[in-house]
Every structure is written in structure tokens, then in C-alpha cells.
């Protein structure tokens, strides 16, 4: 499939509206079951495959009078095979052109339900700012994907991310528009009170040496205390503040990108090595924080080698303020249109589609 286009908001909205119109106009009967079909084969299913791929934007629409556009309407030709390969890849199937049971099932999805999802995402799009900012960071939460977009709409950097875990109350990543104000290398972790209560203190109660071994500074009434001497089973969590020094155990990794929102939500590196899921405690884990730091600091006159050194071996807690804060958008779009016009759907990790579709239905 193609890249999701990082273009101006109005043009991107037109892509979605075109896709919605195409789904509404589609007259595509389900594809019958049959033996696997490869390029060069013949089958009465081919016109149905072509119609479905056209409705989903993976293939040019066929003339309405015939339903197909070549002399041999039952030939599974290279054009259809290429479109099917792109479709399979967009649905996390193997990137081949085989029309098998899995591809048939995916193509036979109810088009009316897809149209409703596209309409829902158009409604979400309507509430986004009309001006995203010249250079901006764009994080689509359901796609687990981050892009840095330039003023001309080009994507200068992209990566996979992690987002907040929906299974724990308060850990979902919010949909917000904000700005990155700094790049901080080898940061300390100032533990929010909620995570101190749910994670840090239970760890200390289970092992009185755990906080010391993992580099935590502990403060009571503003004064530093030795965590090994605190009777953790009999104290109030609210009396203490926790700061984890930079190091391998620090969940912020080697860089963080502070923002201005009141939720303490930001983008940061991580000591996890798996990406592409809802696993964080609310922040966005950057799949390549080193590259993101170097890219953002380019406007500050930093060469890539300097940023790499700061990330890998520089001083701890080194903060670099950005002269022009970078607009940052965390969005929740489960239906997008890529730069070929094809519809791309993402999972609904927070269950918003179901709730909001019901609300739109009245």
C-alpha cells in the first residue's frame, strides 16, 4: 500500500470524502468461495474481486454498464493481482497476490459498516485544528505510528510507537493537540503520584533494596532519604516523592520530548524493545527516539553527530529548549486513505469506534 499522505488538511479530507462516496456507490456482491486463484487463472469470481477492490480504492473503478473493463472479464490479470497484493498487505496478510480463503473473507467485509467507520473518522477529522502547524509531529494512536511532517506536507521522519494500555484505568493516551518544547537527553523520571502508588511503593514493599538497586532517589518533605531505611509497609505513599536517575532501568530511556499538557503526557524513549502496541502507562514510546531527537534539533543548528553523541554518551539530564516549539497532534483515526487512494483501516484499541458509532446513530 501507499503511505498515508501528510498533506494539507482540506485536501486530505477530500480523499476521505471520495472514499466514502465510492463505498456508497459500490454495487459489489460478495465473492463466492472457491479454490485458490493466482495470476493468469480464470474464474467467475474475478468480476466480484475487481468490484470489491475498486470499492476499497485499490483498483480503478470499472464502467457501470458492464462491471468489468477488459475483453476477458474472468481473467485474473496482473493489474488485479497487483491490487490484491496491496490489499493483502494492508490487512496484515502475506504480501502475495493469492486469492485464497483469507483474502476472500477480508474482501467480503460489509461495505456499509466500512462506510460508517469512514464517516465516523470524518467527524473526528472535523474537530481537528484547521492548521496543523508548519513542521509538526503527527501520532495516529490506532496505527501506532508517528510522523514528522514538513510545511510542504512531506514526511521527513516516521516510526512505529507504543501507546497507553487500555486495560488499566487512566493509562489510555489522550487525543490532544500540544507542542514539544524541549529535547532532554538521558532524562530522570519524576514518578507521577498514581504510578508511585501502583508500581513503585509495591516494589519497595516486596523488596526493600529494589529502589536503591534501580536508581531511585526518594524525598520526604523535600529532603532526601535512604530508601533502604524506610519502613515501606507502614508509611503513607503521599508523603514521598520518587525520582529515578538515568540508567538502563529508567523507563524514559535516553531521551524525552516534554510537552505542555496538564496530563504529564509526552513522547519519550523506552527501555522496551517491542513496538506497535498499547503497552505504555499513557505516554507515547518513540520507536527511534535517537532519530527523532536529531531531526528536531536540526532546526536548532545541531548536526546529527552531535545529537547522536548526546543521546549515547552525553551528560545526564541535558535539556535543549526549542526556539520554535513543534506542534504535536495525537489523533485517533481508525480509517485513513493512503496516497494511492486506498482505504486503510486500523484496529480500535480503546473501543472508541463502537461507542461513537452508536452515538452518531442517535
Protein backbone atom coordinates (compact mmCIF):
# COMPACT_ATOMS: atom_id res chain seq x y z
CA UNK A 1 0.00 0.00 0.00
CA UNK A 2 0.98 3.64 -0.18
CA UNK A 3 2.00 5.96 2.61
CA UNK A 4 -0.73 7.88 4.39
CA UNK A 5 -0.36 11.33 2.82
CA UNK A 6 0.97 14.12 5.02
CA UNK A 7 -0.67 16.88 3.05
CA UNK A 8 -2.78 19.88 3.90
CA UNK A 9 -5.91 19.14 5.98
CA UNK A 10 -8.51 20.19 3.40
CA UNK A 11 -7.03 18.04 0.64
CA UNK A 12 -6.72 15.05 2.95
CA UNK A 13 -10.36 15.46 3.97
CA UNK A 14 -11.35 15.34 0.29
CA UNK A 15 -9.59 11.97 -0.03
CA UNK A 16 -11.75 10.60 2.77
CA UNK A 17 -14.93 12.05 1.29
CA UNK A 18 -14.10 10.48 -2.08
CA UNK A 19 -13.60 7.14 -0.36
CA UNK A 20 -16.93 7.47 1.42
CA UNK A 21 -18.71 8.31 -1.84
CA UNK A 22 -17.06 5.31 -3.51
CA UNK A 23 -18.32 2.96 -0.79
CA UNK A 24 -21.84 4.40 -1.04
CA UNK A 25 -21.87 3.93 -4.83
CA UNK A 26 -20.41 0.42 -4.76
CA UNK A 27 -22.59 -2.38 -6.08
CA UNK A 28 -20.29 -5.22 -5.13
CA UNK A 29 -21.77 -8.64 -4.42
CA UNK A 30 -19.80 -10.94 -2.10
CA UNK A 31 -17.07 -13.03 -3.72
CA UNK A 32 -18.12 -16.71 -3.89
CA UNK A 33 -15.91 -19.33 -2.26
CA UNK A 34 -13.62 -21.33 -4.49
CA UNK A 35 -10.20 -22.85 -4.94
CA UNK A 36 -7.17 -20.53 -4.54
CA UNK A 37 -6.66 -18.37 -7.62
CA UNK A 38 -3.36 -16.98 -8.93
CA UNK A 39 -2.45 -14.57 -11.72
CA UNK A 40 -3.29 -15.95 -15.15
CA UNK A 41 -6.17 -18.07 -13.86
CA UNK A 42 -9.81 -17.81 -14.89
CA UNK A 43 -12.84 -17.77 -12.61
CA UNK A 44 -16.35 -16.40 -12.43
CA UNK A 45 -15.21 -14.81 -9.15
CA UNK A 46 -12.89 -12.34 -10.89
CA UNK A 47 -15.54 -9.64 -11.65
CA UNK A 48 -16.55 -9.74 -7.98
CA UNK A 49 -12.91 -9.39 -6.90
CA UNK A 50 -12.43 -6.45 -9.24
CA UNK A 51 -15.56 -4.71 -7.93
CA UNK A 52 -14.55 -5.17 -4.31
CA UNK A 53 -11.00 -3.91 -4.88
CA UNK A 54 -12.40 -0.89 -6.73
CA UNK A 55 -14.83 -0.09 -3.92
CA UNK A 56 -11.96 -0.16 -1.42
CA UNK A 57 -9.77 2.07 -3.58
CA UNK A 58 -7.15 -0.49 -4.57
CA UNK A 59 -8.20 -0.62 -8.21
CA UNK A 60 -9.68 1.89 -10.66
CA UNK A 61 -13.44 1.77 -10.84
CA UNK A 62 -14.94 -0.22 -13.70
CA UNK A 63 -17.53 1.08 -16.18
CA UNK A 64 -21.02 0.82 -14.69
CA UNK A 65 -22.56 -0.70 -17.82
CA UNK A 66 -20.51 -3.93 -17.85
CA UNK A 67 -18.97 -4.37 -14.43
CA UNK A 68 -15.57 -5.14 -15.97
CA UNK A 69 -13.25 -3.39 -18.34
CA UNK A 70 -11.35 -5.94 -20.47
CA UNK A 71 -12.13 -8.47 -23.18
CA UNK A 72 -11.75 -11.41 -20.82
CA UNK A 73 -13.68 -10.44 -17.68
CA UNK A 74 -12.88 -13.72 -15.94
CA UNK A 75 -9.08 -13.43 -16.30
CA UNK A 76 -7.19 -12.85 -13.06
CA UNK A 77 -4.69 -10.50 -14.70
CA UNK A 78 -1.59 -8.70 -13.44
CA UNK A 79 -3.50 -5.50 -12.64
CA UNK A 80 -5.90 -7.31 -10.33
CA UNK A 81 -3.07 -9.36 -8.84
CA UNK A 82 -1.10 -6.21 -8.01
CA UNK A 83 -4.13 -4.58 -6.40
CA UNK A 84 -4.85 -7.72 -4.40
CA UNK A 85 -1.24 -7.86 -3.19
CA UNK A 86 -1.51 -4.29 -1.88
CA UNK A 87 -4.85 -5.09 -0.27
CA UNK A 88 -3.45 -8.19 1.46
CA UNK A 89 -0.53 -6.20 2.82
CA UNK A 90 -2.89 -3.55 4.21
CA UNK A 91 -4.84 -6.26 6.04
CA UNK A 92 -1.76 -7.90 7.56
CA UNK A 93 -1.93 -10.89 5.22
CA UNK A 94 1.11 -12.22 3.38
CA UNK A 95 2.19 -9.82 0.61
CA UNK A 96 1.38 -12.06 -2.33
CA UNK A 97 -1.38 -11.96 -4.94
CA UNK A 98 -3.14 -15.18 -3.98
CA UNK A 99 -6.92 -15.11 -3.82
CA UNK A 100 -7.36 -17.62 -1.02
CA UNK A 101 -9.91 -18.05 1.76
CA UNK A 102 -8.28 -15.39 3.96
CA UNK A 103 -8.23 -12.77 1.19
CA UNK A 104 -11.79 -13.64 0.18
CA UNK A 105 -13.02 -13.21 3.74
CA UNK A 106 -11.22 -9.88 4.09
CA UNK A 107 -12.61 -8.57 0.78
CA UNK A 108 -16.14 -9.66 1.68
CA UNK A 109 -16.33 -7.29 4.64
CA UNK A 110 -19.64 -5.43 4.87
CA UNK A 111 -19.14 -2.24 2.87
CA UNK A 112 -21.91 -0.39 4.71
CA UNK A 113 -20.09 -0.92 8.02
CA UNK A 114 -16.87 0.38 6.45
CA UNK A 115 -18.74 3.44 5.17
CA UNK A 116 -19.95 4.13 8.71
CA UNK A 117 -16.39 3.92 10.01
CA UNK A 118 -15.16 6.32 7.32
CA UNK A 119 -17.97 8.74 8.20
CA UNK A 120 -17.05 8.49 11.88
CA UNK A 121 -13.42 9.31 11.12
CA UNK A 122 -14.51 12.27 9.00
CA UNK A 123 -16.38 13.51 12.06
CA UNK A 124 -13.21 13.14 14.14
CA UNK A 125 -11.27 14.94 11.43
CA UNK A 126 -13.74 17.83 11.57
CA UNK A 127 -12.74 18.51 15.18
CA UNK A 128 -9.01 18.72 14.46
CA UNK A 129 -7.30 22.10 14.02
CA UNK A 130 -7.55 23.52 10.51
CA UNK A 131 -3.88 24.49 10.71
CA UNK A 132 -1.56 21.72 11.92
CA UNK A 133 1.49 23.98 12.01
CA UNK A 134 4.36 24.24 9.55
CA UNK A 135 6.54 21.46 10.86
CA UNK A 136 4.59 19.19 13.17
CA UNK A 137 4.58 15.79 14.80
CA UNK A 138 1.62 13.59 13.93
CA UNK A 139 0.85 10.49 16.01
CA UNK A 140 -2.08 8.33 14.94
CA UNK A 141 -2.73 6.25 18.05
CA UNK A 142 -4.61 3.29 16.48
CA UNK A 143 -1.93 2.99 13.79
CA UNK A 144 0.90 3.05 16.38
CA UNK A 145 2.63 5.44 14.01
CA UNK A 146 4.50 8.75 14.34
CA UNK A 147 5.48 11.12 11.55
CA UNK A 148 7.27 14.44 11.48
CA UNK A 149 5.67 16.42 8.66
CA UNK A 150 7.18 19.44 6.98
CA UNK A 151 5.42 22.59 5.76
CA UNK A 152 5.09 21.19 2.23
CA UNK A 153 3.33 18.07 3.52
CA UNK A 154 6.33 15.79 3.04
CA UNK A 155 7.17 13.30 5.76
CA UNK A 156 10.73 13.79 6.95
CA UNK A 157 10.73 11.04 9.58
CA UNK A 158 8.42 8.23 10.60
CA UNK A 159 8.48 5.40 13.10
CA UNK A 160 6.39 2.87 15.00
CA UNK A 161 5.32 3.78 18.53
CA UNK A 162 3.66 2.32 21.59
CA UNK A 163 0.63 3.95 23.20
CA UNK A 164 -1.17 3.71 26.53
CA UNK A 165 -2.59 0.46 27.81
CA UNK A 166 -6.40 0.46 27.75
CA UNK A 167 -6.62 -2.34 30.32
CA UNK A 168 -5.52 -0.10 33.20
CA UNK A 169 -7.72 2.82 34.25
CA UNK A 170 -6.15 6.15 33.41
CA UNK A 171 -3.47 4.73 31.12
CA UNK A 172 -5.05 5.46 27.72
CA UNK A 173 -3.17 8.07 25.70
CA UNK A 174 -5.37 11.16 25.27
CA UNK A 175 -6.29 12.74 21.95
CA UNK A 176 -4.62 16.13 22.24
CA UNK A 177 -3.00 18.95 20.31
CA UNK A 178 0.11 20.22 22.07
CA UNK A 179 3.70 21.29 21.41
CA UNK A 180 7.09 19.74 22.07
CA UNK A 181 9.14 22.37 23.87
CA UNK A 182 12.40 20.55 24.63
CA UNK A 183 14.60 17.60 23.89
CA UNK A 184 16.07 16.14 27.08
CA UNK A 185 18.86 13.59 26.83
CA UNK A 186 19.38 10.87 29.44
CA UNK A 187 16.45 12.16 31.50
CA UNK A 188 15.45 11.42 35.06
CA UNK A 189 11.96 10.03 35.65
CA UNK A 190 9.86 12.12 38.02
CA UNK A 191 7.33 9.50 39.01
CA UNK A 192 3.67 10.64 38.94
CA UNK A 193 1.79 10.03 42.18
CA UNK A 194 -0.52 7.45 40.58
CA UNK A 195 2.39 5.34 39.33
CA UNK A 196 4.22 5.74 42.62
CA UNK A 197 1.22 4.20 44.38
CA UNK A 198 0.60 1.45 41.84
CA UNK A 199 4.16 0.48 40.90
CA UNK A 200 7.00 1.98 42.91
CA UNK A 201 5.85 1.54 46.51
CA UNK A 202 4.57 -2.04 45.98
CA UNK A 203 8.03 -2.83 44.54
CA UNK A 204 9.67 -1.38 47.66
CA UNK A 205 7.34 -3.31 49.95
CA UNK A 206 8.20 -6.55 48.17
CA UNK A 207 11.96 -5.86 48.29
CA UNK A 208 13.40 -3.12 50.50
CA UNK A 209 16.52 -2.88 48.31
CA UNK A 210 14.69 -2.61 44.97
CA UNK A 211 14.54 1.18 44.83
CA UNK A 212 18.22 1.50 45.72
CA UNK A 213 19.28 -1.03 43.07
CA UNK A 214 17.18 0.62 40.35
CA UNK A 215 18.50 4.12 40.96
CA UNK A 216 15.56 5.80 42.68
CA UNK A 217 16.03 9.00 44.67
CA UNK A 218 13.44 9.25 47.45
CA UNK A 219 12.33 12.52 49.03
CA UNK A 220 10.20 13.13 52.12
CA UNK A 221 9.16 16.69 52.85
CA UNK A 222 11.66 17.88 50.28
CA UNK A 223 14.61 16.14 51.96
CA UNK A 224 16.42 13.14 50.51
CA UNK A 225 16.01 9.90 52.48
CA UNK A 226 17.64 6.48 52.16
CA UNK A 227 15.04 4.17 50.64
CA UNK A 228 16.64 1.17 52.36
CA UNK A 229 15.78 2.58 55.79
CA UNK A 230 12.12 3.45 55.15
CA UNK A 231 9.56 1.05 56.69
CA UNK A 232 7.53 0.86 53.48
CA UNK A 233 4.82 -1.38 54.97
CA UNK A 234 3.74 1.30 57.41
CA UNK A 235 4.10 4.65 55.60
CA UNK A 236 1.79 6.78 53.51
CA UNK A 237 2.70 6.94 49.84
CA UNK A 238 1.62 10.59 49.62
CA UNK A 239 4.46 11.59 51.97
CA UNK A 240 7.12 10.64 49.44
CA UNK A 241 8.32 11.77 46.03
CA UNK A 242 10.32 9.48 43.73
CA UNK A 243 12.84 10.32 41.02
CA UNK A 244 14.61 7.59 39.06
CA UNK A 245 18.08 8.53 37.89
CA UNK A 246 19.07 7.95 34.23
CA UNK A 247 20.17 4.42 33.53
CA UNK A 248 19.20 1.08 31.98
CA UNK A 249 16.22 0.61 34.32
CA UNK A 250 14.76 4.08 33.63
CA UNK A 251 11.54 3.67 31.56
CA UNK A 252 12.14 7.01 29.79
CA UNK A 253 15.19 5.56 28.06
CA UNK A 254 17.78 8.00 26.73
CA UNK A 255 15.58 10.89 25.56
CA UNK A 256 12.27 12.55 26.31
CA UNK A 257 10.33 15.25 24.49
CA UNK A 258 8.42 17.34 27.07
CA UNK A 259 5.07 18.87 26.15
CA UNK A 260 2.79 21.43 27.80
CA UNK A 261 -0.43 19.49 28.55
CA UNK A 262 -1.73 19.07 32.12
CA UNK A 263 -1.78 15.25 31.91
CA UNK A 264 2.02 14.74 32.14
CA UNK A 265 1.76 13.02 28.75
CA UNK A 266 4.77 13.22 26.45
CA UNK A 267 6.78 11.33 23.85
CA UNK A 268 9.84 9.52 25.15
CA UNK A 269 12.34 6.78 24.53
CA UNK A 270 11.89 3.49 26.37
CA UNK A 271 13.92 0.58 27.64
CA UNK A 272 11.42 -1.73 25.93
CA UNK A 273 12.43 -3.11 22.55
CA UNK A 274 9.00 -4.13 21.23
CA UNK A 275 6.87 -1.55 19.44
CA UNK A 276 3.47 -1.30 17.84
CA UNK A 277 1.02 -1.88 20.69
CA UNK A 278 -0.95 -0.39 23.60
CA UNK A 279 1.55 -1.15 26.36
CA UNK A 280 2.65 2.12 27.95
CA UNK A 281 1.26 3.85 31.04
CA UNK A 282 -0.09 6.67 28.87
CA UNK A 283 2.86 8.29 27.13
CA UNK A 284 3.94 7.59 23.57
CA UNK A 285 7.07 5.44 23.25
CA UNK A 286 9.12 6.55 20.23
CA UNK A 287 10.40 3.62 18.19
CA UNK A 288 13.54 5.60 17.27
CA UNK A 289 13.98 8.37 19.83
CA UNK A 290 17.56 8.96 18.73
CA UNK A 291 16.43 9.81 15.19
CA UNK A 292 13.56 11.97 16.48
CA UNK A 293 15.93 13.98 18.69
CA UNK A 294 18.38 14.52 15.84
CA UNK A 295 15.59 15.56 13.46
CA UNK A 296 14.02 18.09 15.83
CA UNK A 297 17.38 19.57 16.79
CA UNK A 298 18.38 20.13 13.18
CA UNK A 299 16.41 23.40 13.29
CA UNK A 300 18.48 24.39 16.34
CA UNK A 301 21.69 24.08 14.33
CA UNK A 302 22.69 20.69 15.70
CA UNK A 303 24.45 18.29 13.36
CA UNK A 304 23.34 14.68 13.53
CA UNK A 305 26.65 13.56 15.04
CA UNK A 306 26.20 15.98 17.96
CA UNK A 307 22.71 14.68 18.69
CA UNK A 308 23.91 11.08 18.46
CA UNK A 309 26.69 11.78 20.96
CA UNK A 310 24.27 13.48 23.38
CA UNK A 311 21.89 10.52 23.09
CA UNK A 312 24.52 7.83 23.53
CA UNK A 313 27.23 9.27 25.76
CA UNK A 314 26.31 12.85 26.69
CA UNK A 315 25.77 14.28 30.16
CA UNK A 316 22.76 13.23 32.16
CA UNK A 317 19.62 15.38 32.22
CA UNK A 318 20.81 17.61 29.36
CA UNK A 319 17.84 19.71 28.23
CA UNK A 320 17.73 21.63 24.95
CA UNK A 321 14.88 24.14 24.59
CA UNK A 322 13.38 24.51 21.12
CA UNK A 323 13.21 28.11 19.92
CA UNK A 324 10.11 27.21 17.92
CA UNK A 325 8.06 24.60 19.80
CA UNK A 326 6.90 21.86 17.45
CA UNK A 327 3.13 21.43 17.18
CA UNK A 328 2.21 17.87 18.08
CA UNK A 329 -1.08 16.09 17.39
CA UNK A 330 -2.19 12.82 18.97
CA UNK A 331 -5.14 11.71 16.83
CA UNK A 332 -7.45 8.71 16.82
CA UNK A 333 -8.15 7.76 13.20
CA UNK A 334 -9.11 4.15 12.51
CA UNK A 335 -9.85 4.72 8.81
CA UNK A 336 -7.40 6.52 6.54
CA UNK A 337 -6.76 6.93 2.83
CA UNK A 338 -3.22 6.37 1.59
CA UNK A 339 -1.55 8.25 -1.24
CA UNK A 340 -2.86 5.77 -3.83
CA UNK A 341 -6.48 6.38 -2.76
CA UNK A 342 -6.83 3.02 -1.00
CA UNK A 343 -8.71 2.71 2.27
CA UNK A 344 -6.57 1.62 5.22
CA UNK A 345 -8.25 0.53 8.45
CA UNK A 346 -6.68 0.15 11.88
CA UNK A 347 -7.79 -1.73 14.97
CA UNK A 348 -9.78 0.17 17.61
CA UNK A 349 -7.55 -0.31 20.70
CA UNK A 350 -9.63 1.89 23.00
CA UNK A 351 -13.06 0.83 21.74
CA UNK A 352 -13.99 4.37 20.70
CA UNK A 353 -15.47 3.32 17.35
CA UNK A 354 -18.20 1.21 18.92
CA UNK A 355 -19.24 3.90 21.41
CA UNK A 356 -19.10 6.80 18.96
CA UNK A 357 -20.81 4.93 16.14
CA UNK A 358 -23.71 4.23 18.50
CA UNK A 359 -23.81 7.93 19.44
CA UNK A 360 -23.82 9.03 15.79
CA UNK A 361 -26.65 6.59 15.11
CA UNK A 362 -28.71 8.53 17.62
